[in-house]
Amino acid sequence: MTMIKLPSGAKKIVPSSCRAMIGQVAGGGRTEKPMLKAGNAYHKYRVKRNCWPKVRGVAMNPVEHPHGGGNHQHIGHASTVRRDAPPGQKVGLIAARRTGRLRGQAATAASKSDKAT
């Protein structure tokens, strides 16, 4: 058995056959720094996959997305879509049970869960 002194000052006895890493993990907290420039996001996603930049459906032409087109950017119809809609029509809120701003008990429960995380 081996006695280890932890950073808190507590002493702990562990089997001598145990293995451990000593020190801090390299690059810890790197993701907490915000990406301040679009170029940083570009270089991040360039090596991963083609998922950036994300263009909104309302900013597209009508041939590219069901929300596209019009003289100003609006969806133009209900954003909810039925579950059995064919692929290509299934954009927006798919089979939504409810939409809009949460009111009443649901709103307080949602705000509590946001504060907990």
PDB file of N, CA and C in Angstrom:
ATOM      1  N   MET A   1       0.844  -1.187   0.000  1.00  0.00           N
ATOM      2  CA  MET A   1       0.000   0.000   0.000  1.00  0.00           C
ATOM      3  C   MET A   1       0.890   1.252   0.000  1.00  0.00           C
ATOM      4  N   THR A   2       0.372   2.314  -0.620  1.00  0.00           N
ATOM      5  CA  THR A   2       1.116   3.570  -0.734  1.00  0.00           C
ATOM      6  C   THR A   2       0.238   4.693  -0.224  1.00  0.00           C
ATOM      7  N   MET A   3       0.840   5.601   0.536  1.00  0.00           N
ATOM      8  CA  MET A   3       0.103   6.753   1.040  1.00  0.00           C
ATOM      9  C   MET A   3       0.355   7.947   0.121  1.00  0.00           C
ATOM     10  N   ILE A   4      -0.727   8.594  -0.308  1.00  0.00           N
ATOM     11  CA  ILE A   4      -0.645   9.748  -1.204  1.00  0.00           C
ATOM     12  C   ILE A   4      -1.174  10.959  -0.470  1.00  0.00           C
ATOM     13  N   LYS A   5      -0.473  12.085  -0.610  1.00  0.00           N
ATOM     14  CA  LYS A   5      -0.975  13.340  -0.052  1.00  0.00           C
ATOM     15  C   LYS A   5      -1.603  14.133  -1.186  1.00  0.00           C
ATOM     16  N   LEU A   6      -2.884  14.425  -1.077  1.00  0.00           N
ATOM     17  CA  LEU A   6      -3.631  15.128  -2.108  1.00  0.00           C
ATOM     18  C   LEU A   6      -3.436  16.634  -1.975  1.00  0.00           C
ATOM     19  N   PRO A   7      -3.749  17.405  -3.030  1.00  0.00           N
ATOM     20  CA  PRO A   7      -3.592  18.867  -2.943  1.00  0.00           C
ATOM     21  C   PRO A   7      -4.410  19.490  -1.817  1.00  0.00           C
ATOM     22  N   SER A   8      -5.496  18.833  -1.424  1.00  0.00           N
ATOM     23  CA  SER A   8      -6.301  19.367  -0.325  1.00  0.00           C
ATOM     24  C   SER A   8      -5.629  19.178   1.020  1.00  0.00           C
ATOM     25  N   GLY A   9      -4.575  18.366   1.054  1.00  0.00           N
ATOM     26  CA  GLY A   9      -3.890  18.094   2.309  1.00  0.00           C
ATOM     27  C   GLY A   9      -4.279  16.753   2.885  1.00  0.00           C
ATOM     28  N   ALA A  10      -5.340  16.148   2.342  1.00  0.00           N
ATOM     29  CA  ALA A  10      -5.786  14.849   2.838  1.00  0.00           C
ATOM     30  C   ALA A  10      -4.823  13.763   2.388  1.00  0.00           C
ATOM     31  N   LYS A  11      -4.669  12.747   3.238  1.00  0.00           N
ATOM     32  CA  LYS A  11      -3.809  11.626   2.903  1.00  0.00           C
ATOM     33  C   LYS A  11      -4.679  10.424   2.594  1.00  0.00           C
ATOM     34  N   LYS A  12      -4.312   9.706   1.533  1.00  0.00           N
ATOM     35  CA  LYS A  12      -5.123   8.588   1.084  1.00  0.00           C
ATOM     36  C   LYS A  12      -4.209   7.394   0.851  1.00  0.00           C
ATOM     37  N   ILE A  13      -4.665   6.220   1.228  1.00  0.00           N
ATOM     38  CA  ILE A  13      -3.886   5.002   1.033  1.00  0.00           C
ATOM     39  C   ILE A  13      -4.470   4.239  -0.153  1.00  0.00           C
ATOM     40  N   VAL A  14      -3.621   3.940  -1.131  1.00  0.00           N
ATOM     41  CA  VAL A  14      -4.040   3.208  -2.329  1.00  0.00           C
ATOM     42  C   VAL A  14      -3.085   2.040  -2.540  1.00  0.00           C
ATOM     43  N   PRO A  15      -3.532   1.013  -3.277  1.00  0.00           N
ATOM     44  CA  PRO A  15      -2.623  -0.111  -3.564  1.00  0.00           C
ATOM     45  C   PRO A  15      -1.415   0.357  -4.386  1.00  0.00           C
ATOM     46  N   SER A  16      -0.265  -0.236  -4.144  1.00  0.00           N
ATOM     47  CA  SER A  16       0.962   0.159  -4.833  1.00  0.00           C
ATOM     48  C   SER A  16       0.929  -0.192  -6.313  1.00  0.00           C
ATOM     49  N   SER A  17       0.030  -1.083  -6.714  1.00  0.00           N
ATOM     50  CA  SER A  17      -0.063  -1.467  -8.123  1.00  0.00           C
ATOM     51  C   SER A  17      -0.853  -0.452  -8.950  1.00  0.00           C
ATOM     52  N   CYS A  18      -1.441   0.542  -8.283  1.00  0.00           N
ATOM     53  CA  CYS A  18      -2.216   1.555  -8.999  1.00  0.00           C
ATOM     54  C   CYS A  18      -1.283   2.448  -9.817  1.00  0.00           C
ATOM     55  N   ARG A  19      -1.817   2.920 -10.962  1.00  0.00           N
ATOM     56  CA  ARG A  19      -1.061   3.838 -11.809  1.00  0.00           C
ATOM     57  C   ARG A  19      -1.790   5.168 -11.844  1.00  0.00           C
ATOM     58  N   ALA A  20      -1.036   6.242 -11.966  1.00  0.00           N
ATOM     59  CA  ALA A  20      -1.644   7.568 -11.977  1.00  0.00           C
ATOM     60  C   ALA A  20      -0.842   8.500 -12.865  1.00  0.00           C
ATOM     61  N   MET A  21      -1.509   9.526 -13.362  1.00  0.00           N
ATOM     62  CA  MET A  21      -0.845  10.595 -14.097  1.00  0.00           C
ATOM     63  C   MET A  21      -0.528  11.705 -13.103  1.00  0.00           C
ATOM     64  N   ILE A  22       0.653  12.261 -13.216  1.00  0.00           N
ATOM     65  CA  ILE A  22       1.062  13.323 -12.297  1.00  0.00           C
ATOM     66  C   ILE A  22       1.038  14.640 -13.048  1.00  0.00           C
ATOM     67  N   GLY A  23       0.432  15.667 -12.445  1.00  0.00           N
ATOM     68  CA  GLY A  23       0.392  17.002 -13.049  1.00  0.00           C
ATOM     69  C   GLY A  23      -0.986  17.325 -13.582  1.00  0.00           C
ATOM     70  N   GLN A  24      -1.031  18.284 -14.518  1.00  0.00           N
ATOM     71  CA  GLN A  24      -2.292  18.739 -15.070  1.00  0.00           C
ATOM     72  C   GLN A  24      -2.427  18.287 -16.510  1.00  0.00           C
ATOM     73  N   VAL A  25      -3.669  18.148 -16.945  1.00  0.00           N
ATOM     74  CA  VAL A  25      -3.938  17.762 -18.319  1.00  0.00           C
ATOM     75  C   VAL A  25      -3.575  18.930 -19.228  1.00  0.00           C
ATOM     76  N   ALA A  26      -2.855  18.652 -20.304  1.00  0.00           N
ATOM     77  CA  ALA A  26      -2.428  19.702 -21.225  1.00  0.00           C
ATOM     78  C   ALA A  26      -3.631  20.250 -21.985  1.00  0.00           C
ATOM     79  N   GLY A  27      -3.704  21.550 -22.122  1.00  0.00           N
ATOM     80  CA  GLY A  27      -4.770  22.184 -22.897  1.00  0.00           C
ATOM     81  C   GLY A  27      -6.102  22.227 -22.186  1.00  0.00           C
ATOM     82  N   GLY A  28      -6.123  22.039 -20.877  1.00  0.00           N
ATOM     83  CA  GLY A  28      -7.380  22.087 -20.142  1.00  0.00           C
ATOM     84  C   GLY A  28      -7.962  23.488 -20.146  1.00  0.00           C
ATOM     85  N   GLY A  29      -9.271  23.612 -20.422  1.00  0.00           N
ATOM     86  CA  GLY A  29      -9.939  24.903 -20.456  1.00  0.00           C
ATOM     87  C   GLY A  29      -9.797  25.633 -21.774  1.00  0.00           C
ATOM     88  N   ARG A  30      -9.220  24.968 -22.781  1.00  0.00           N
ATOM     89  CA  ARG A  30      -9.006  25.636 -24.066  1.00  0.00           C
ATOM     90  C   ARG A  30     -10.318  26.016 -24.731  1.00  0.00           C
ATOM     91  N   THR A  31     -11.345  25.204 -24.539  1.00  0.00           N
ATOM     92  CA  THR A  31     -12.621  25.473 -25.204  1.00  0.00           C
ATOM     93  C   THR A  31     -13.420  26.576 -24.518  1.00  0.00           C
ATOM     94  N   GLU A  32     -12.989  27.011 -23.341  1.00  0.00           N
ATOM     95  CA  GLU A  32     -13.729  28.054 -22.632  1.00  0.00           C
ATOM     96  C   GLU A  32     -13.475  29.438 -23.216  1.00  0.00           C
ATOM     97  N   LYS A  33     -12.376  29.584 -23.964  1.00  0.00           N
ATOM     98  CA  LYS A  33     -12.057  30.881 -24.561  1.00  0.00           C
ATOM     99  C   LYS A  33     -12.951  31.096 -25.780  1.00  0.00           C
ATOM    100  N   PRO A  34     -13.626  32.229 -25.890  1.00  0.00           N
ATOM    101  CA  PRO A  34     -14.528  32.448 -27.027  1.00  0.00           C
ATOM    102  C   PRO A  34     -13.761  32.661 -28.331  1.00  0.00           C
ATOM    103  N   MET A  35     -14.385  32.211 -29.437  1.00  0.00           N
ATOM    104  CA  MET A  35     -13.802  32.475 -30.754  1.00  0.00           C
ATOM    105  C   MET A  35     -14.227  33.883 -31.153  1.00  0.00           C
ATOM    106  N   LEU A  36     -13.297  34.809 -31.169  1.00  0.00           N
ATOM    107  CA  LEU A  36     -13.630  36.212 -31.382  1.00  0.00           C
ATOM    108  C   LEU A  36     -13.709  36.595 -32.858  1.00  0.00           C
ATOM    109  N   LYS A  37     -13.152  35.758 -33.722  1.00  0.00           N
ATOM    110  CA  LYS A  37     -13.152  36.082 -35.145  1.00  0.00           C
ATOM    111  C   LYS A  37     -13.738  34.922 -35.940  1.00  0.00           C
ATOM    112  N   ALA A  38     -14.347  35.251 -37.057  1.00  0.00           N
ATOM    113  CA  ALA A  38     -14.887  34.216 -37.934  1.00  0.00           C
ATOM    114  C   ALA A  38     -13.772  33.334 -38.480  1.00  0.00           C
ATOM    115  N   GLY A  39     -12.583  33.902 -38.634  1.00  0.00           N
ATOM    116  CA  GLY A  39     -11.461  33.122 -39.141  1.00  0.00           C
ATOM    117  C   GLY A  39     -11.095  31.976 -38.218  1.00  0.00           C
ATOM    118  N   ASN A  40     -11.223  32.205 -36.905  1.00  0.00           N
ATOM    119  CA  ASN A  40     -10.937  31.131 -35.950  1.00  0.00           C
ATOM    120  C   ASN A  40     -11.915  29.984 -36.122  1.00  0.00           C
ATOM    121  N   ALA A  41     -13.191  30.322 -36.315  1.00  0.00           N
ATOM    122  CA  ALA A  41     -14.201  29.288 -36.536  1.00  0.00           C
ATOM    123  C   ALA A  41     -13.941  28.578 -37.861  1.00  0.00           C
ATOM    124  N   TYR A  42     -13.509  29.340 -38.861  1.00  0.00           N
ATOM    125  CA  TYR A  42     -13.207  28.748 -40.170  1.00  0.00           C
ATOM    126  C   TYR A  42     -12.121  27.694 -40.039  1.00  0.00           C
ATOM    127  N   HIS A  43     -11.056  28.020 -39.365  1.00  0.00           N
ATOM    128  CA  HIS A  43      -9.941  27.086 -39.232  1.00  0.00           C
ATOM    129  C   HIS A  43     -10.317  25.907 -38.340  1.00  0.00           C
ATOM    130  N   LYS A  44     -11.191  26.131 -37.382  1.00  0.00           N
ATOM    131  CA  LYS A  44     -11.631  25.030 -36.518  1.00  0.00           C
ATOM    132  C   LYS A  44     -12.394  23.987 -37.320  1.00  0.00           C
ATOM    133  N   TYR A  45     -13.363  24.441 -38.126  1.00  0.00           N
ATOM    134  CA  TYR A  45     -14.229  23.506 -38.841  1.00  0.00           C
ATOM    135  C   TYR A  45     -13.629  23.043 -40.170  1.00  0.00           C
ATOM    136  N   ARG A  46     -12.598  23.722 -40.662  1.00  0.00           N
ATOM    137  CA  ARG A  46     -11.987  23.347 -41.942  1.00  0.00           C
ATOM    138  C   ARG A  46     -11.393  21.946 -41.871  1.00  0.00           C
ATOM    139  N   VAL A  47     -10.809  21.602 -40.738  1.00  0.00           N
ATOM    140  CA  VAL A  47     -10.182  20.290 -40.594  1.00  0.00           C
ATOM    141  C   VAL A  47     -11.175  19.215 -40.169  1.00  0.00           C
ATOM    142  N   LYS A  48     -12.389  19.636 -39.781  1.00  0.00           N
ATOM    143  CA  LYS A  48     -13.347  18.646 -39.281  1.00  0.00           C
ATOM    144  C   LYS A  48     -14.307  18.216 -40.373  1.00  0.00           C
ATOM    145  N   ARG A  49     -15.295  19.037 -40.665  1.00  0.00           N
ATOM    146  CA  ARG A  49     -16.328  18.673 -41.644  1.00  0.00           C
ATOM    147  C   ARG A  49     -16.959  19.944 -42.176  1.00  0.00           C
ATOM    148  N   ASN A  50     -17.762  19.798 -43.176  1.00  0.00           N
ATOM    149  CA  ASN A  50     -18.347  20.971 -43.830  1.00  0.00           C
ATOM    150  C   ASN A  50     -19.655  21.353 -43.139  1.00  0.00           C
ATOM    151  N   CYS A  51     -19.548  21.936 -41.963  1.00  0.00           N
ATOM    152  CA  CYS A  51     -20.743  22.332 -41.222  1.00  0.00           C
ATOM    153  C   CYS A  51     -20.702  23.809 -40.835  1.00  0.00           C
ATOM    154  N   TRP A  52     -19.798  24.575 -41.452  1.00  0.00           N
ATOM    155  CA  TRP A  52     -19.692  25.988 -41.122  1.00  0.00           C
ATOM    156  C   TRP A  52     -19.349  26.739 -42.396  1.00  0.00           C
ATOM    157  N   PRO A  53     -19.914  27.902 -42.630  1.00  0.00           N
ATOM    158  CA  PRO A  53     -20.925  28.606 -41.834  1.00  0.00           C
ATOM    159  C   PRO A  53     -22.313  28.020 -42.035  1.00  0.00           C
ATOM    160  N   LYS A  54     -23.170  28.205 -41.038  1.00  0.00           N
ATOM    161  CA  LYS A  54     -24.541  27.725 -41.115  1.00  0.00           C
ATOM    162  C   LYS A  54     -25.412  28.847 -41.672  1.00  0.00           C
ATOM    163  N   VAL A  55     -26.023  28.602 -42.802  1.00  0.00           N
ATOM    164  CA  VAL A  55     -26.883  29.607 -43.421  1.00  0.00           C
ATOM    165  C   VAL A  55     -28.324  29.294 -43.045  1.00  0.00           C
ATOM    166  N   ARG A  56     -29.062  30.320 -42.611  1.00  0.00           N
ATOM    167  CA  ARG A  56     -30.462  30.122 -42.225  1.00  0.00           C
ATOM    168  C   ARG A  56     -31.314  29.833 -43.451  1.00  0.00           C
ATOM    169  N   GLY A  57     -32.364  29.047 -43.231  1.00  0.00           N
ATOM    170  CA  GLY A  57     -33.252  28.707 -44.338  1.00  0.00           C
ATOM    171  C   GLY A  57     -33.944  29.921 -44.926  1.00  0.00           C
ATOM    172  N   VAL A  58     -34.309  30.902 -44.085  1.00  0.00           N
ATOM    173  CA  VAL A  58     -35.015  32.082 -44.585  1.00  0.00           C
ATOM    174  C   VAL A  58     -34.096  32.977 -45.413  1.00  0.00           C
ATOM    175  N   ALA A  59     -32.775  32.788 -45.293  1.00  0.00           N
ATOM    176  CA  ALA A  59     -31.835  33.592 -46.072  1.00  0.00           C
ATOM    177  C   ALA A  59     -31.561  32.973 -47.430  1.00  0.00           C
ATOM    178  N   MET A  60     -32.147  31.792 -47.706  1.00  0.00           N
ATOM    179  CA  MET A  60     -31.880  31.100 -48.969  1.00  0.00           C
ATOM    180  C   MET A  60     -32.940  31.435 -50.012  1.00  0.00           C
ATOM    181  N   ASN A  61     -32.720  30.907 -51.203  1.00  0.00           N
ATOM    182  CA  ASN A  61     -33.698  31.009 -52.280  1.00  0.00           C
ATOM    183  C   ASN A  61     -34.736  29.893 -52.125  1.00  0.00           C
ATOM    184  N   PRO A  62     -35.911  30.061 -52.724  1.00  0.00           N
ATOM    185  CA  PRO A  62     -36.951  29.039 -52.550  1.00  0.00           C
ATOM    186  C   PRO A  62     -36.574  27.679 -53.144  1.00  0.00           C
ATOM    187  N   VAL A  63     -35.633  27.627 -54.074  1.00  0.00           N
ATOM    188  CA  VAL A  63     -35.233  26.331 -54.625  1.00  0.00           C
ATOM    189  C   VAL A  63     -34.291  25.586 -53.692  1.00  0.00           C
ATOM    190  N   GLU A  64     -33.732  26.299 -52.720  1.00  0.00           N
ATOM    191  CA  GLU A  64     -32.743  25.686 -51.831  1.00  0.00           C
ATOM    192  C   GLU A  64     -33.329  25.234 -50.498  1.00  0.00           C
ATOM    193  N   HIS A  65     -34.450  25.819 -50.079  1.00  0.00           N
ATOM    194  CA  HIS A  65     -34.995  25.505 -48.752  1.00  0.00           C
ATOM    195  C   HIS A  65     -36.471  25.869 -48.731  1.00  0.00           C
ATOM    196  N   PRO A  66     -37.287  25.097 -47.998  1.00  0.00           N
ATOM    197  CA  PRO A  66     -38.711  25.432 -47.905  1.00  0.00           C
ATOM    198  C   PRO A  66     -38.997  26.792 -47.269  1.00  0.00           C
ATOM    199  N   HIS A  67     -38.064  27.307 -46.453  1.00  0.00           N
ATOM    200  CA  HIS A  67     -38.273  28.611 -45.822  1.00  0.00           C
ATOM    201  C   HIS A  67     -37.759  29.755 -46.681  1.00  0.00           C
ATOM    202  N   GLY A  68     -37.181  29.465 -47.823  1.00  0.00           N
ATOM    203  CA  GLY A  68     -36.525  30.489 -48.616  1.00  0.00           C
ATOM    204  C   GLY A  68     -37.481  31.326 -49.435  1.00  0.00           C
ATOM    205  N   GLY A  69     -36.961  32.431 -49.976  1.00  0.00           N
ATOM    206  CA  GLY A  69     -37.701  33.296 -50.886  1.00  0.00           C
ATOM    207  C   GLY A  69     -38.525  34.351 -50.178  1.00  0.00           C
ATOM    208  N   GLY A  70     -39.219  35.148 -50.982  1.00  0.00           N
ATOM    209  CA  GLY A  70     -40.055  36.221 -50.443  1.00  0.00           C
ATOM    210  C   GLY A  70     -39.342  37.549 -50.505  1.00  0.00           C
ATOM    211  N   ASN A  71     -40.116  38.605 -50.292  1.00  0.00           N
ATOM    212  CA  ASN A  71     -39.564  39.948 -50.354  1.00  0.00           C
ATOM    213  C   ASN A  71     -38.944  40.402 -49.040  1.00  0.00           C
ATOM    214  N   HIS A  72     -39.175  39.656 -47.999  1.00  0.00           N
ATOM    215  CA  HIS A  72     -38.448  39.876 -46.755  1.00  0.00           C
ATOM    216  C   HIS A  72     -38.307  38.521 -46.062  1.00  0.00           C
ATOM    217  N   GLN A  73     -37.402  38.448 -45.092  1.00  0.00           N
ATOM    218  CA  GLN A  73     -37.079  37.140 -44.512  1.00  0.00           C
ATOM    219  C   GLN A  73     -38.147  36.717 -43.517  1.00  0.00           C
ATOM    220  N   HIS A  74     -39.015  35.831 -43.957  1.00  0.00           N
ATOM    221  CA  HIS A  74     -40.025  35.237 -43.093  1.00  0.00           C
ATOM    222  C   HIS A  74     -40.273  33.827 -43.604  1.00  0.00           C
ATOM    223  N   ILE A  75     -40.755  32.963 -42.719  1.00  0.00           N
ATOM    224  CA  ILE A  75     -40.989  31.570 -43.105  1.00  0.00           C
ATOM    225  C   ILE A  75     -42.159  31.486 -44.078  1.00  0.00           C
ATOM    226  N   GLY A  76     -43.215  32.247 -43.830  1.00  0.00           N
ATOM    227  CA  GLY A  76     -44.317  32.321 -44.780  1.00  0.00           C
ATOM    228  C   GLY A  76     -45.431  31.324 -44.529  1.00  0.00           C
ATOM    229  N   HIS A  77     -45.197  30.364 -43.656  1.00  0.00           N
ATOM    230  CA  HIS A  77     -46.232  29.385 -43.291  1.00  0.00           C
ATOM    231  C   HIS A  77     -45.882  28.875 -41.904  1.00  0.00           C
ATOM    232  N   ALA A  78     -46.720  28.010 -41.364  1.00  0.00           N
ATOM    233  CA  ALA A  78     -46.472  27.508 -40.011  1.00  0.00           C
ATOM    234  C   ALA A  78     -45.134  26.780 -39.959  1.00  0.00           C
ATOM    235  N   SER A  79     -44.402  26.999 -38.873  1.00  0.00           N
ATOM    236  CA  SER A  79     -43.091  26.376 -38.754  1.00  0.00           C
ATOM    237  C   SER A  79     -43.183  24.935 -38.278  1.00  0.00           C
ATOM    238  N   THR A  80     -44.352  24.527 -37.783  1.00  0.00           N
ATOM    239  CA  THR A  80     -44.513  23.140 -37.352  1.00  0.00           C
ATOM    240  C   THR A  80     -44.832  22.272 -38.556  1.00  0.00           C
ATOM    241  N   VAL A  81     -44.345  21.039 -38.504  1.00  0.00           N
ATOM    242  CA  VAL A  81     -44.506  20.118 -39.622  1.00  0.00           C
ATOM    243  C   VAL A  81     -44.893  18.761 -39.061  1.00  0.00           C
ATOM    244  N   ARG A  82     -45.738  18.025 -39.778  1.00  0.00           N
ATOM    245  CA  ARG A  82     -46.231  16.754 -39.252  1.00  0.00           C
ATOM    246  C   ARG A  82     -45.127  15.697 -39.291  1.00  0.00           C
ATOM    247  N   ARG A  83     -45.276  14.701 -38.463  1.00  0.00           N
ATOM    248  CA  ARG A  83     -44.252  13.659 -38.321  1.00  0.00           C
ATOM    249  C   ARG A  83     -44.072  12.881 -39.622  1.00  0.00           C
ATOM    250  N   ASP A  84     -45.156  12.611 -40.356  1.00  0.00           N
ATOM    251  CA  ASP A  84     -45.063  11.769 -41.546  1.00  0.00           C
ATOM    252  C   ASP A  84     -44.812  12.585 -42.819  1.00  0.00           C
ATOM    253  N   ALA A  85     -44.330  13.804 -42.666  1.00  0.00           N
ATOM    254  CA  ALA A  85     -44.007  14.624 -43.841  1.00  0.00           C
ATOM    255  C   ALA A  85     -42.841  13.995 -44.593  1.00  0.00           C
ATOM    256  N   PRO A  86     -42.828  14.128 -45.912  1.00  0.00           N
ATOM    257  CA  PRO A  86     -41.736  13.533 -46.685  1.00  0.00           C
ATOM    258  C   PRO A  86     -40.419  14.271 -46.450  1.00  0.00           C
ATOM    259  N   PRO A  87     -39.291  13.598 -46.668  1.00  0.00           N
ATOM    260  CA  PRO A  87     -38.007  14.276 -46.532  1.00  0.00           C
ATOM    261  C   PRO A  87     -37.928  15.454 -47.497  1.00  0.00           C
ATOM    262  N   GLY A  88     -37.372  16.542 -47.032  1.00  0.00           N
ATOM    263  CA  GLY A  88     -37.332  17.752 -47.840  1.00  0.00           C
ATOM    264  C   GLY A  88     -38.406  18.727 -47.420  1.00  0.00           C
ATOM    265  N   GLN A  89     -39.484  18.197 -46.858  1.00  0.00           N
ATOM    266  CA  GLN A  89     -40.525  19.064 -46.302  1.00  0.00           C
ATOM    267  C   GLN A  89     -40.363  19.172 -44.795  1.00  0.00           C
ATOM    268  N   LYS A  90     -39.565  18.254 -44.217  1.00  0.00           N
ATOM    269  CA  LYS A  90     -39.400  18.203 -42.767  1.00  0.00           C
ATOM    270  C   LYS A  90     -38.356  19.211 -42.321  1.00  0.00           C
ATOM    271  N   VAL A  91     -38.727  20.476 -42.272  1.00  0.00           N
ATOM    272  CA  VAL A  91     -37.856  21.518 -41.743  1.00  0.00           C
ATOM    273  C   VAL A  91     -38.672  22.342 -40.759  1.00  0.00           C
ATOM    274  N   GLY A  92     -38.015  22.862 -39.761  1.00  0.00           N
ATOM    275  CA  GLY A  92     -38.722  23.638 -38.754  1.00  0.00           C
ATOM    276  C   GLY A  92     -38.939  22.802 -37.503  1.00  0.00           C
ATOM    277  N   LEU A  93     -40.093  22.952 -36.898  1.00  0.00           N
ATOM    278  CA  LEU A  93     -40.413  22.241 -35.664  1.00  0.00           C
ATOM    279  C   LEU A  93     -41.149  20.962 -36.032  1.00  0.00           C
ATOM    280  N   ILE A  94     -40.455  19.827 -35.996  1.00  0.00           N
ATOM    281  CA  ILE A  94     -41.003  18.558 -36.456  1.00  0.00           C
ATOM    282  C   ILE A  94     -41.856  17.950 -35.365  1.00  0.00           C
ATOM    283  N   ALA A  95     -43.135  17.734 -35.677  1.00  0.00           N
ATOM    284  CA  ALA A  95     -44.100  17.104 -34.777  1.00  0.00           C
ATOM    285  C   ALA A  95     -44.075  17.759 -33.402  1.00  0.00           C
ATOM    286  N   ALA A  96     -44.114  19.097 -33.369  1.00  0.00           N
ATOM    287  CA  ALA A  96     -44.008  19.831 -32.109  1.00  0.00           C
ATOM    288  C   ALA A  96     -45.277  19.651 -31.290  1.00  0.00           C
ATOM    289  N   ARG A  97     -45.100  19.349 -30.020  1.00  0.00           N
ATOM    290  CA  ARG A  97     -46.248  19.256 -29.117  1.00  0.00           C
ATOM    291  C   ARG A  97     -46.729  20.651 -28.732  1.00  0.00           C
ATOM    292  N   ARG A  98     -45.762  21.562 -28.561  1.00  0.00           N
ATOM    293  CA  ARG A  98     -46.114  22.939 -28.222  1.00  0.00           C
ATOM    294  C   ARG A  98     -45.061  23.863 -28.791  1.00  0.00           C
ATOM    295  N   THR A  99     -45.450  25.101 -29.039  1.00  0.00           N
ATOM    296  CA  THR A  99     -44.516  26.079 -29.585  1.00  0.00           C
ATOM    297  C   THR A  99     -44.692  27.390 -28.834  1.00  0.00           C
ATOM    298  N   GLY A 100     -43.805  28.324 -29.096  1.00  0.00           N
ATOM    299  CA  GLY A 100     -43.924  29.645 -28.498  1.00  0.00           C
ATOM    300  C   GLY A 100     -43.230  29.750 -27.167  1.00  0.00           C
ATOM    301  N   ARG A 101     -43.466  30.883 -26.515  1.00  0.00           N
ATOM    302  CA  ARG A 101     -42.829  31.164 -25.237  1.00  0.00           C
ATOM    303  C   ARG A 101     -43.442  30.297 -24.151  1.00  0.00           C
ATOM    304  N   LEU A 102     -42.590  29.744 -23.286  1.00  0.00           N
ATOM    305  CA  LEU A 102     -43.092  28.935 -22.182  1.00  0.00           C
ATOM    306  C   LEU A 102     -43.750  29.846 -21.159  1.00  0.00           C
ATOM    307  N   ARG A 103     -44.905  29.436 -20.674  1.00  0.00           N
ATOM    308  CA  ARG A 103     -45.635  30.239 -19.699  1.00  0.00           C
ATOM    309  C   ARG A 103     -46.003  29.378 -18.513  1.00  0.00           C
ATOM    310  N   GLY A 104     -46.143  30.014 -17.342  1.00  0.00           N
ATOM    311  CA  GLY A 104     -46.606  29.308 -16.155  1.00  0.00           C
ATOM    312  C   GLY A 104     -45.536  28.412 -15.558  1.00  0.00           C
ATOM    313  N   GLN A 105     -45.951  27.223 -15.110  1.00  0.00           N
ATOM    314  CA  GLN A 105     -45.050  26.319 -14.411  1.00  0.00           C
ATOM    315  C   GLN A 105     -43.937  25.823 -15.319  1.00  0.00           C
ATOM    316  N   ALA A 106     -44.223  25.660 -16.595  1.00  0.00           N
ATOM    317  CA  ALA A 106     -43.189  25.192 -17.520  1.00  0.00           C
ATOM    318  C   ALA A 106     -42.050  26.197 -17.616  1.00  0.00           C
ATOM    319  N   ALA A 107     -42.376  27.488 -17.584  1.00  0.00           N
ATOM    320  CA  ALA A 107     -41.348  28.521 -17.672  1.00  0.00           C
ATOM    321  C   ALA A 107     -40.465  28.519 -16.433  1.00  0.00           C
ATOM    322  N   THR A 108     -41.058  28.381 -15.265  1.00  0.00           N
ATOM    323  CA  THR A 108     -40.260  28.376 -14.040  1.00  0.00           C
ATOM    324  C   THR A 108     -39.393  27.130 -13.964  1.00  0.00           C
ATOM    325  N   ALA A 109     -39.911  25.989 -14.426  1.00  0.00           N
ATOM    326  CA  ALA A 109     -39.119  24.760 -14.417  1.00  0.00           C
ATOM    327  C   ALA A 109     -37.950  24.866 -15.386  1.00  0.00           C
ATOM    328  N   ALA A 110     -38.183  25.476 -16.543  1.00  0.00           N
ATOM    329  CA  ALA A 110     -37.114  25.621 -17.532  1.00  0.00           C
ATOM    330  C   ALA A 110     -36.036  26.576 -17.022  1.00  0.00           C
ATOM    331  N   SER A 111     -36.429  27.645 -16.368  1.00  0.00           N
ATOM    332  CA  SER A 111     -35.440  28.601 -15.870  1.00  0.00           C
ATOM    333  C   SER A 111     -34.624  27.991 -14.730  1.00  0.00           C
ATOM    334  N   LYS A 112     -35.259  27.144 -13.912  1.00  0.00           N
ATOM    335  CA  LYS A 112     -34.518  26.483 -12.833  1.00  0.00           C
ATOM    336  C   LYS A 112     -33.499  25.513 -13.403  1.00  0.00           C
ATOM    337  N   SER A 113     -33.879  24.785 -14.460  1.00  0.00           N
ATOM    338  CA  SER A 113     -32.935  23.823 -15.046  1.00  0.00           C
ATOM    339  C   SER A 113     -31.789  24.551 -15.740  1.00  0.00           C
ATOM    340  N   ASP A 114     -32.043  25.741 -16.306  1.00  0.00           N
ATOM    341  CA  ASP A 114     -30.973  26.521 -16.927  1.00  0.00           C
ATOM    342  C   ASP A 114     -29.975  27.001 -15.888  1.00  0.00           C
ATOM    343  N   LYS A 115     -30.474  27.399 -14.738  1.00  0.00           N
ATOM    344  CA  LYS A 115     -29.593  27.894 -13.676  1.00  0.00           C
ATOM    345  C   LYS A 115     -28.788  26.757 -13.063  1.00  0.00           C
ATOM    346  N   ALA A 116     -29.347  25.539 -13.060  1.00  0.00           N
ATOM    347  CA  ALA A 116     -28.657  24.398 -12.463  1.00  0.00           C
ATOM    348  C   ALA A 116     -27.469  23.966 -13.304  1.00  0.00           C
ATOM    349  N   THR A 117     -27.557  24.164 -14.635  1.00  0.00           N
ATOM    350  CA  THR A 117     -26.458  23.712 -15.503  1.00  0.00           C
ATOM    351  C   THR A 117     -25.380  24.747 -15.653  1.00  0.00           C
TER     352      THR A 117
END
